Amino acid sequence: MTLLKLLLGLLSGSLAVLADAMHSATDGFSSLLGLVTNGLSDPEPDRDHPYGHHKYEAVGALAIAAFILFTAFEILQAAIGRLSTGLQPLRMDSRELLILL
């Protein structure tokens, strides 16, 4: 779905569709990273570590936050750039709208 949105956003020139593609990519990346970091964690506690060993969830959450911040910065930068240079008309026909639906 992300690749389809990205392709349609690039073909049409729609920043909204490109932002939605980045949102979908962020969701997928966050889910995958959450699964990986939870799998790496060792939940078995001992006397010195009452919450377990190798708690990678915080590192994963930090990476997710950085990716979301990067995505938001890129969308904002593109929007400001388009507003400052003038808005170009969108190139979207009925076929592309149908694919989006």
Protein backbone atom coordinates (compact mmCIF):
# COMPACT_ATOMS: atom_id res chain seq x y z
CA MET A 1 0.00 0.00 0.00
CA THR A 2 2.84 2.35 0.83
CA LEU A 3 4.50 1.87 -2.54
CA LEU A 4 1.22 2.42 -4.39
CA LYS A 5 0.58 5.65 -2.47
CA LEU A 6 4.15 6.78 -3.10
CA LEU A 7 3.87 6.09 -6.82
CA LEU A 8 0.55 7.90 -7.11
CA GLY A 9 1.84 10.82 -5.05
CA LEU A 10 4.88 11.21 -7.28
CA LEU A 11 2.85 10.88 -10.49
CA SER A 12 0.16 13.33 -9.38
CA GLY A 13 2.35 15.77 -7.49
CA SER A 14 0.04 15.58 -4.48
CA LEU A 15 1.82 16.31 -1.22
CA ALA A 16 -1.16 14.92 0.70
CA VAL A 17 -0.81 11.52 -0.99
CA LEU A 18 2.96 11.57 -0.45
CA ALA A 19 2.43 12.41 3.22
CA ASP A 20 -0.03 9.55 3.49
CA ALA A 21 2.54 7.21 1.94
CA MET A 22 5.08 8.36 4.51
CA HIS A 23 2.50 7.84 7.25
CA SER A 24 1.88 4.28 6.07
CA ALA A 25 5.63 3.62 5.94
CA THR A 26 6.01 5.00 9.47
CA ASP A 27 3.24 2.74 10.75
CA GLY A 28 4.75 -0.33 9.15
CA PHE A 29 8.26 0.52 10.33
CA SER A 30 7.02 1.17 13.87
CA SER A 31 5.22 -2.15 14.04
CA LEU A 32 8.18 -4.07 12.67
CA LEU A 33 10.65 -2.35 14.96
CA GLY A 34 8.38 -2.95 17.96
CA LEU A 35 8.24 -6.67 17.17
CA VAL A 36 12.00 -6.89 16.74
CA THR A 37 12.84 -5.01 19.94
CA ASN A 38 10.34 -7.00 21.98
CA GLY A 39 11.83 -10.19 20.60
CA LEU A 40 15.34 -9.10 21.61
CA SER A 41 14.31 -8.32 25.16
CA ASP A 42 14.87 -10.83 27.91
CA PRO A 43 11.95 -10.70 30.35
CA GLU A 44 13.49 -13.03 32.93
CA PRO A 45 14.27 -11.04 36.07
CA ASP A 46 16.92 -11.85 38.64
CA ARG A 47 18.00 -10.28 41.90
CA ASP A 48 20.05 -7.50 40.28
CA HIS A 49 17.61 -6.82 37.44
CA PRO A 50 14.01 -7.00 38.71
CA TYR A 51 12.61 -5.95 35.31
CA GLY A 52 14.67 -8.37 33.24
CA HIS A 53 17.71 -8.01 31.00
CA HIS A 54 18.30 -6.36 27.62
CA LYS A 55 15.37 -3.97 27.56
CA TYR A 56 15.51 -2.83 23.94
CA GLU A 57 11.99 -1.39 23.92
CA ALA A 58 13.27 2.07 24.89
CA VAL A 59 15.84 2.04 22.09
CA GLY A 60 13.14 0.94 19.65
CA ALA A 61 10.79 3.67 20.84
CA LEU A 62 13.57 6.24 20.39
CA ALA A 63 14.19 5.03 16.84
CA ILE A 64 10.47 5.20 16.06
CA ALA A 65 10.28 8.73 17.45
CA ALA A 66 13.28 9.79 15.35
CA PHE A 67 11.71 8.33 12.21
CA ILE A 68 8.39 10.11 12.89
CA LEU A 69 10.21 13.39 13.55
CA PHE A 70 12.20 13.01 10.31
CA THR A 71 8.99 12.28 8.40
CA ALA A 72 7.20 15.30 9.87
CA PHE A 73 10.20 17.53 9.08
CA GLU A 74 10.30 16.36 5.45
CA ILE A 75 6.56 16.93 4.96
CA LEU A 76 6.77 20.40 6.55
CA GLN A 77 9.82 21.31 4.49
CA ALA A 78 8.10 20.22 1.26
CA ALA A 79 4.92 22.12 2.15
CA ILE A 80 6.83 25.33 2.92
CA GLY A 81 8.82 24.93 -0.28
CA ARG A 82 5.69 24.54 -2.35
CA LEU A 83 4.00 27.50 -0.70
CA SER A 84 7.03 29.75 -1.22
CA THR A 85 7.50 28.86 -4.91
CA GLY A 86 3.84 28.76 -5.83
CA LEU A 87 1.53 25.82 -5.97
CA GLN A 88 1.60 23.65 -9.05
CA PRO A 89 -1.68 22.18 -10.27
CA LEU A 90 -2.20 18.52 -9.47
CA ARG A 91 -2.03 16.00 -12.28
CA MET A 92 -4.67 13.51 -11.25
CA ASP A 93 -7.17 11.85 -13.54
CA SER A 94 -10.07 9.51 -12.83
CA ARG A 95 -7.85 6.41 -13.08
CA GLU A 96 -5.56 7.65 -10.30
CA LEU A 97 -8.53 8.64 -8.16
CA LEU A 98 -9.98 5.16 -8.64
CA ILE A 99 -6.70 3.57 -7.54
CA LEU A 100 -6.68 5.76 -4.43
CA LEU A 101 -10.17 4.65 -3.56
